[in-house]
Structures are given as C-alpha cells and as structure tokens.
C-alpha atoms as a PDB file:
ATOM      1  CA  ASP A   1     -72.662 -69.534 -32.100  1.00  0.00           C
ATOM      2  CA  MET A   2     -75.448 -66.949 -32.396  1.00  0.00           C
ATOM      3  CA  SER A   3     -77.634 -69.308 -34.452  1.00  0.00           C
ATOM      4  CA  ASP A   4     -77.871 -71.709 -31.484  1.00  0.00           C
ATOM      5  CA  PRO A   5     -81.521 -72.561 -30.680  1.00  0.00           C
ATOM      6  CA  THR A   6     -81.044 -71.611 -27.010  1.00  0.00           C
ATOM      7  CA  ILE A   7     -80.039 -68.069 -27.966  1.00  0.00           C
ATOM      8  CA  GLN A   8     -82.772 -67.800 -30.598  1.00  0.00           C
ATOM      9  CA  THR A   9     -85.396 -68.968 -28.064  1.00  0.00           C
ATOM     10  CA  PHE A  10     -84.220 -66.367 -25.533  1.00  0.00           C
ATOM     11  CA  PHE A  11     -85.267 -63.592 -27.935  1.00  0.00           C
ATOM     12  CA  ASP A  12     -88.313 -65.401 -29.442  1.00  0.00           C
ATOM     13  CA  SER A  13     -91.512 -63.511 -28.595  1.00  0.00           C
ATOM     14  CA  ASN A  14     -93.544 -66.748 -28.576  1.00  0.00           C
ATOM     15  CA  ALA A  15     -91.210 -68.813 -26.396  1.00  0.00           C
ATOM     16  CA  LEU A  16     -92.634 -68.059 -22.958  1.00  0.00           C
ATOM     17  CA  VAL A  17     -96.229 -68.322 -21.751  1.00  0.00           C
ATOM     18  CA  VAL A  18     -96.740 -65.326 -19.463  1.00  0.00           C
ATOM     19  CA  VAL A  19    -100.451 -65.892 -18.764  1.00  0.00           C
ATOM     20  CA  LYS A  20    -102.058 -69.281 -19.363  1.00  0.00           C
ATOM     21  CA  ALA A  21    -105.278 -69.464 -21.383  1.00  0.00           C
ATOM     22  CA  LYS A  22    -108.450 -69.540 -19.295  1.00  0.00           C
ATOM     23  CA  ARG A  23    -111.936 -70.600 -20.235  1.00  0.00           C
ATOM     24  CA  LYS A  24    -114.322 -67.665 -20.460  1.00  0.00           C
ATOM     25  CA  ASP A  25    -117.627 -69.409 -19.914  1.00  0.00           C
ATOM     26  CA  VAL A  26    -120.203 -68.585 -17.259  1.00  0.00           C
ATOM     27  CA  ASN A  27    -121.319 -71.556 -15.119  1.00  0.00           C
ATOM     28  CA  GLY A  28    -120.270 -73.946 -17.881  1.00  0.00           C
ATOM     29  CA  GLN A  29    -122.245 -72.091 -20.571  1.00  0.00           C
ATOM     30  CA  CYS A  30    -120.488 -70.204 -23.341  1.00  0.00           C
ATOM     31  CA  THR A  31    -122.100 -66.788 -23.702  1.00  0.00           C
ATOM     32  CA  LYS A  32    -120.195 -65.651 -26.781  1.00  0.00           C
ATOM     33  CA  LYS A  33    -121.941 -65.460 -30.144  1.00  0.00           C
ATOM     34  CA  ASP A  34    -119.245 -67.485 -31.904  1.00  0.00           C
ATOM     35  CA  ASN A  35    -119.183 -70.139 -29.105  1.00  0.00           C
ATOM     36  CA  ASP A  36    -115.428 -69.684 -28.698  1.00  0.00           C
ATOM     37  CA  CYS A  37    -114.848 -69.542 -24.948  1.00  0.00           C
ATOM     38  CA  LYS A  38    -111.339 -70.998 -24.902  1.00  0.00           C
ATOM     39  CA  GLY A  39    -109.469 -67.778 -24.185  1.00  0.00           C
ATOM     40  CA  GLN A  40    -105.961 -67.002 -25.348  1.00  0.00           C
ATOM     41  CA  GLU A  41    -102.643 -67.274 -23.648  1.00  0.00           C
ATOM     42  CA  ILE A  42    -100.290 -64.330 -23.524  1.00  0.00           C
ATOM     43  CA  ARG A  43     -96.776 -65.092 -24.753  1.00  0.00           C
ATOM     44  CA  ASP A  44     -93.544 -63.143 -24.702  1.00  0.00           C
ATOM     45  CA  SER A  45     -89.815 -63.722 -24.929  1.00  0.00           C
ATOM     46  CA  PRO A  46     -87.723 -64.671 -21.900  1.00  0.00           C
ATOM     47  CA  TYR A  47     -85.638 -61.574 -22.696  1.00  0.00           C
ATOM     48  CA  ASN A  48     -88.644 -59.221 -22.420  1.00  0.00           C
ATOM     49  CA  ASP A  49     -89.636 -60.971 -19.191  1.00  0.00           C
ATOM     50  CA  MET A  50     -86.107 -60.372 -17.892  1.00  0.00           C
ATOM     51  CA  LYS A  51     -86.212 -56.699 -18.936  1.00  0.00           C
ATOM     52  CA  THR A  52     -89.443 -56.108 -17.043  1.00  0.00           C
ATOM     53  CA  SER A  53     -88.200 -57.901 -13.943  1.00  0.00           C
ATOM     54  CA  MET A  54     -84.883 -56.052 -13.947  1.00  0.00           C
ATOM     55  CA  TYR A  55     -86.544 -52.644 -14.284  1.00  0.00           C
ATOM     56  CA  LEU A  56     -89.026 -53.355 -11.486  1.00  0.00           C
ATOM     57  CA  LEU A  57     -86.354 -54.779  -9.183  1.00  0.00           C
ATOM     58  CA  GLY A  58     -84.030 -51.852  -9.899  1.00  0.00           C
ATOM     59  CA  ASN A  59     -86.852 -49.414  -9.178  1.00  0.00           C
ATOM     60  CA  ALA A  60     -87.484 -51.121  -5.829  1.00  0.00           C
ATOM     61  CA  PHE A  61     -83.988 -50.205  -4.585  1.00  0.00           C
ATOM     62  CA  ARG A  62     -84.814 -46.600  -3.691  1.00  0.00           C
ATOM     63  CA  ILE A  63     -83.471 -44.501  -0.877  1.00  0.00           C
ATOM     64  CA  ASN A  64     -86.274 -41.946  -1.138  1.00  0.00           C
ATOM     65  CA  GLN A  65     -89.374 -41.481  -3.287  1.00  0.00           C
ATOM     66  CA  THR A  66     -88.428 -38.046  -4.637  1.00  0.00           C
ATOM     67  CA  LYS A  67     -85.830 -39.342  -7.082  1.00  0.00           C
ATOM     68  CA  ALA A  68     -87.133 -40.243 -10.544  1.00  0.00           C
ATOM     69  CA  PRO A  69     -86.674 -43.938 -11.416  1.00  0.00           C
ATOM     70  CA  ASP A  70     -84.394 -43.150 -14.363  1.00  0.00           C
ATOM     71  CA  ASN A  71     -81.935 -41.428 -12.012  1.00  0.00           C
ATOM     72  CA  LEU A  72     -81.471 -44.496  -9.806  1.00  0.00           C
ATOM     73  CA  PRO A  73     -78.116 -46.271 -10.272  1.00  0.00           C
ATOM     74  CA  THR A  74     -79.890 -49.633 -10.455  1.00  0.00           C
ATOM     75  CA  VAL A  75     -82.252 -48.504 -13.219  1.00  0.00           C
ATOM     76  CA  ARG A  76     -79.377 -46.843 -15.102  1.00  0.00           C
ATOM     77  CA  ALA A  77     -77.414 -50.109 -14.935  1.00  0.00           C
ATOM     78  CA  ALA A  78     -80.466 -52.051 -16.138  1.00  0.00           C
ATOM     79  CA  LYS A  79     -80.955 -49.655 -19.061  1.00  0.00           C
ATOM     80  CA  ALA A  80     -77.271 -49.947 -20.004  1.00  0.00           C
ATOM     81  CA  PHE A  81     -77.711 -53.732 -20.017  1.00  0.00           C
ATOM     82  CA  PHE A  82     -80.836 -53.408 -22.202  1.00  0.00           C
ATOM     83  CA  LYS A  83     -78.938 -51.210 -24.660  1.00  0.00           C
ATOM     84  CA  ASP A  84     -76.224 -53.840 -25.163  1.00  0.00           C
ATOM     85  CA  MET A  85     -78.711 -56.714 -25.275  1.00  0.00           C
ATOM     86  CA  ASP A  86     -81.002 -54.915 -27.742  1.00  0.00           C
ATOM     87  CA  ALA A  87     -78.017 -54.442 -30.041  1.00  0.00           C
ATOM     88  CA  MET A  88     -77.163 -58.121 -29.602  1.00  0.00           C
ATOM     89  CA  GLU A  89     -80.770 -59.120 -30.329  1.00  0.00           C
ATOM     90  CA  LYS A  90     -80.685 -57.289 -33.669  1.00  0.00           C
ATOM     91  CA  ARG A  91     -77.493 -59.145 -34.592  1.00  0.00           C
ATOM     92  CA  VAL A  92     -78.830 -62.522 -33.392  1.00  0.00           C
ATOM     93  CA  ARG A  93     -82.002 -62.209 -35.478  1.00  0.00           C
ATOM     94  CA  LYS A  94     -79.792 -62.229 -38.571  1.00  0.00           C
ATOM     95  CA  GLY A  95     -78.719 -65.749 -37.577  1.00  0.00           C
ATOM     96  CA  LYS A  96     -75.008 -65.523 -38.352  1.00  0.00           C
ATOM     97  CA  ALA A  97     -73.016 -68.249 -36.601  1.00  0.00           C
ATOM     98  CA  ASN A  98     -69.924 -66.293 -35.486  1.00  0.00           C
ATOM     99  CA  ASP A  99     -70.980 -62.658 -35.412  1.00  0.00           C
ATOM    100  CA  SER A 100     -68.148 -60.750 -33.726  1.00  0.00           C
ATOM    101  CA  ALA A 101     -70.330 -57.674 -33.078  1.00  0.00           C
ATOM    102  CA  ALA A 102     -72.956 -59.802 -31.297  1.00  0.00           C
ATOM    103  CA  ILE A 103     -70.231 -61.446 -29.220  1.00  0.00           C
ATOM    104  CA  ALA A 104     -68.877 -58.001 -28.274  1.00  0.00           C
ATOM    105  CA  ASN A 105     -72.404 -56.861 -27.302  1.00  0.00           C
ATOM    106  CA  TYR A 106     -72.794 -59.992 -25.177  1.00  0.00           C
ATOM    107  CA  ALA A 107     -69.481 -59.409 -23.378  1.00  0.00           C
ATOM    108  CA  ALA A 108     -70.376 -55.765 -22.663  1.00  0.00           C
ATOM    109  CA  ALA A 109     -73.864 -56.747 -21.471  1.00  0.00           C
ATOM    110  CA  LEU A 110     -72.434 -59.408 -19.155  1.00  0.00           C
ATOM    111  CA  GLN A 111     -70.141 -56.848 -17.529  1.00  0.00           C
ATOM    112  CA  VAL A 112     -73.023 -54.408 -16.992  1.00  0.00           C
ATOM    113  CA  LEU A 113     -75.211 -57.262 -15.699  1.00  0.00           C
ATOM    114  CA  ASP A 114     -72.648 -58.048 -12.997  1.00  0.00           C
ATOM    115  CA  GLU A 115     -72.689 -54.381 -11.939  1.00  0.00           C
ATOM    116  CA  TYR A 116     -76.502 -54.458 -11.825  1.00  0.00           C
ATOM    117  CA  LEU A 117     -76.552 -57.694  -9.802  1.00  0.00           C
ATOM    118  CA  ASP A 118     -74.163 -56.139  -7.284  1.00  0.00           C
ATOM    119  CA  LEU A 119     -76.395 -53.050  -6.972  1.00  0.00           C
ATOM    120  CA  VAL A 120     -79.508 -55.169  -6.294  1.00  0.00           C
ATOM    121  CA  GLU A 121     -77.593 -57.409  -3.885  1.00  0.00           C
ATOM    122  CA  LEU A 122     -77.741 -60.612  -5.950  1.00  0.00           C
ATOM    123  CA  PRO A 123     -74.870 -63.056  -6.593  1.00  0.00           C
ATOM    124  CA  PRO A 124     -72.665 -62.395  -9.657  1.00  0.00           C
ATOM    125  CA  THR A 125     -73.126 -64.351 -12.890  1.00  0.00           C
ATOM    126  CA  GLU A 126     -70.117 -66.594 -12.261  1.00  0.00           C
ATOM    127  CA  SER A 127     -71.531 -67.780  -8.895  1.00  0.00           C
ATOM    128  CA  GLY A 128     -73.314 -70.745 -10.514  1.00  0.00           C
ATOM    129  CA  HIS A 129     -76.781 -69.762  -9.231  1.00  0.00           C
ATOM    130  CA  TYR A 130     -78.046 -68.857 -12.691  1.00  0.00           C
ATOM    131  CA  ASP A 131     -76.894 -72.065 -14.412  1.00  0.00           C
ATOM    132  CA  LYS A 132     -79.693 -74.089 -12.796  1.00  0.00           C
ATOM    133  CA  GLU A 133     -83.213 -74.510 -14.139  1.00  0.00           C
ATOM    134  CA  PHE A 134     -85.725 -72.412 -12.205  1.00  0.00           C
ATOM    135  CA  SER A 135     -89.484 -72.115 -11.979  1.00  0.00           C
ATOM    136  CA  ARG A 136     -91.376 -69.014 -13.083  1.00  0.00           C
ATOM    137  CA  GLU A 137     -94.407 -70.028 -10.998  1.00  0.00           C
ATOM    138  CA  VAL A 138     -95.397 -67.368  -8.487  1.00  0.00           C
ATOM    139  CA  GLY A 139     -94.612 -68.404  -4.932  1.00  0.00           C
ATOM    140  CA  ASP A 140     -92.722 -71.551  -5.957  1.00  0.00           C
ATOM    141  CA  SER A 141     -89.597 -70.390  -4.153  1.00  0.00           C
ATOM    142  CA  ALA A 142     -88.611 -67.014  -2.789  1.00  0.00           C
ATOM    143  CA  ARG A 143     -84.938 -67.883  -2.444  1.00  0.00           C
ATOM    144  CA  ILE A 144     -82.010 -68.361  -4.737  1.00  0.00           C
ATOM    145  CA  THR A 145     -80.698 -71.675  -3.452  1.00  0.00           C
END
C-alpha cells in the first residue's frame, strides 16, 4: 500500500531533523535587531539522508584516487538504486494504494540495493539487521549489531 504513512514519511522532506536548532545569542544576550535568536533546525527526508550516505560510502570504496567517483562500481550501483527509488517516489507522491508501477520500482530498487550492500561489504536486506530501530546520533554505535 503506497499510501501507508511509513512510506509517505520516508519521502517527506520535513520528516527528519538533520541539524537541531541552536540558540544564536552571545553570552545570553540576543544581538539581532528583531530579537529572534532561536535559530532554525534543518530538516530533510530519510530518503535524501540515505542517498547522501550511500553516495559517500560508495565513494569511500576506492582502489585508487585516479578513478572518477561516477566510474566506481559502488557509486554506479547507488545511482541505479536512486534511479529506481526516484521513480518510486514520484508514484508514491500520487498516493495511490496499489500502484503496480511503484511496486515494480520498489522490487527493482531492492535488487540493486542488495548488489550495493554486497559491494560495500554490508549484510543483505534479508539479514534482519535493517528491521531494527537505529539511532542517527553521531558516535552512538559504530557497529551493526
């Protein structure tokens, strides 16, 4: 069901707080003319967060520095995944319950994701590691356990 809130939230650009809001005062005194020193948080979708992470991780698996990132097998696999997921995202935004094209995009993306995970030496999707809740806090845990 592509109208499921979990799927909609995955693509929602306001669903994930990337950077928490910080106060912008100096020694407890607000120095702005409008006295608004609250700061703003930066939000993005979990999908965009995943895209960035996948590209950076794929780029880290280099044999030498002379090869352009787009020629790396890991980055090519990540971009193939993005292509299928971007097509799925367009279909999901329409909110149809049983969209066969979105389901086909999801199946193709899942297959490419397994190839990518193998290339970056991570467990496959059916391993059960990705079904658990995880923390996005930096340094919380460096291991998939």
